[in-house]
Every structure is written in structure tokens, then in C-alpha cells.
Amino acid sequence: MTGWQSIRSAFVIWLDLMRGNYENYVVLPDDCPFTECRDWFWVTLGEDNVYPKHFLEKLQAMVAAIDSGDVDLVSFSFEDWD
């Protein structure tokens, strides 16, 4: 869900860049409105983490092994630290 929100936010900022609506991105009086808008666009594009397919497949295999009981799990409790 957050991936779609990030894409939407990037698109809205891109529209502001294309239309020249920079004034809402200024925080400090010395800030350049265009630079702030452009920088927020690039930051927003980098918000969503994209993982490679092989990593996700390995993660799914690990979860399946845990669910099936093939992996011995070690129980842990914070009370054990006292």
C-alpha cells in the first residue's frame, strides 16, 4: 500500500514541477522554491524499497519452512534477560 502512496506523491510533485507550482515547498525564506520541489521529487522516488525477485523467493521459502515445521525454532523471551 505504501508503494502506491509513494508513486502518487511523486506524481503530484512531478505535476507541480511541470506546472511551476513551487511555492508550497519552501520552508525557509532563503530556500529556492524550484530546487526544493525538485529535491522532494527525487526523495519521494527513493522512498519505496524494491527487493530483487530471488530475495523474495528465498524469504518465501524460509517462511514456508517455518510454517511446515521443517526448521527448529528457538524460543525467546525478554523475561529471560532479567
Protein backbone atom coordinates (compact mmCIF):
# COMPACT_ATOMS: atom_id res chain seq x y z
CA MET A 1 0.00 0.00 0.00
CA THR A 2 2.76 2.45 0.85
CA GLY A 3 4.33 1.85 -2.56
CA TRP A 4 1.23 3.20 -4.29
CA GLN A 5 1.18 6.19 -1.94
CA SER A 6 4.81 6.93 -2.78
CA ILE A 7 4.07 6.72 -6.50
CA ARG A 8 1.08 9.04 -6.09
CA SER A 9 3.14 11.54 -4.08
CA ALA A 10 5.90 11.50 -6.69
CA PHE A 11 3.35 12.08 -9.44
CA VAL A 12 1.78 15.04 -7.58
CA ILE A 13 5.20 16.61 -7.05
CA TRP A 14 6.09 15.97 -10.71
CA LEU A 15 2.88 17.78 -11.72
CA ASP A 16 3.88 20.70 -9.51
CA LEU A 17 7.29 20.76 -11.22
CA MET A 18 5.71 20.76 -14.68
CA ARG A 19 3.14 23.42 -13.79
CA GLY A 20 5.51 25.70 -11.85
CA ASN A 21 3.69 25.29 -8.51
CA TYR A 22 6.80 25.51 -6.32
CA GLU A 23 5.67 27.88 -3.58
CA ASN A 24 4.32 25.15 -1.25
CA TYR A 25 7.74 23.51 -0.99
CA VAL A 26 9.56 26.46 0.58
CA VAL A 27 10.28 26.09 4.30
CA LEU A 28 12.91 28.75 4.97
CA PRO A 29 12.94 32.25 3.47
CA ASP A 30 16.27 31.61 1.72
CA ASP A 31 15.08 28.39 0.02
CA CYS A 32 14.76 28.25 -3.75
CA PRO A 33 11.21 27.03 -4.50
CA PHE A 34 12.19 25.14 -7.67
CA THR A 35 15.15 23.42 -6.00
CA GLU A 36 13.05 22.34 -3.02
CA CYS A 37 10.31 20.93 -5.26
CA ARG A 38 12.83 19.11 -7.46
CA ASP A 39 14.67 17.66 -4.47
CA TRP A 40 11.41 16.44 -2.88
CA PHE A 41 10.52 14.74 -6.16
CA TRP A 42 13.76 12.74 -6.16
CA VAL A 43 13.47 11.91 -2.46
CA THR A 44 9.92 10.66 -2.96
CA LEU A 45 11.01 8.38 -5.80
CA GLY A 46 13.51 6.71 -3.48
CA GLU A 47 11.07 6.09 -0.62
CA ASP A 48 9.84 2.67 -1.67
CA ASN A 49 12.15 -0.29 -1.13
CA VAL A 50 12.27 -2.68 -4.06
CA TYR A 51 13.73 -6.10 -3.38
CA PRO A 52 15.08 -8.47 -6.04
CA LYS A 53 12.97 -11.46 -7.03
CA HIS A 54 15.50 -14.02 -5.75
CA PHE A 55 15.49 -12.38 -2.30
CA LEU A 56 11.70 -12.52 -2.10
CA GLU A 57 11.63 -16.14 -3.28
CA LYS A 58 14.20 -17.10 -0.62
CA LEU A 59 12.18 -15.26 2.03
CA GLN A 60 9.01 -17.08 0.97
CA ALA A 61 10.85 -20.42 1.14
CA MET A 62 12.06 -19.59 4.66
CA VAL A 63 8.53 -18.72 5.79
CA ALA A 64 7.17 -21.93 4.22
CA ALA A 65 9.86 -23.96 6.03
CA ILE A 66 8.96 -22.35 9.35
CA ASP A 67 5.22 -22.85 8.78
CA SER A 68 5.71 -26.53 7.89
CA GLY A 69 7.88 -27.18 10.95
CA ASP A 70 10.99 -28.13 8.95
CA VAL A 71 13.04 -25.55 10.86
CA ASP A 72 13.70 -25.83 14.58
CA LEU A 73 12.91 -22.53 16.22
CA VAL A 74 14.47 -21.21 19.41
CA SER A 75 12.02 -19.64 21.80
CA PHE A 76 12.97 -16.24 23.14
CA SER A 77 11.57 -14.10 25.89
CA PHE A 78 12.71 -10.77 27.25
CA GLU A 79 11.96 -12.09 30.73
CA ASP A 80 14.94 -14.43 30.27
CA TRP A 81 17.25 -11.38 30.36
CA ASP A 82 16.34 -10.44 33.93
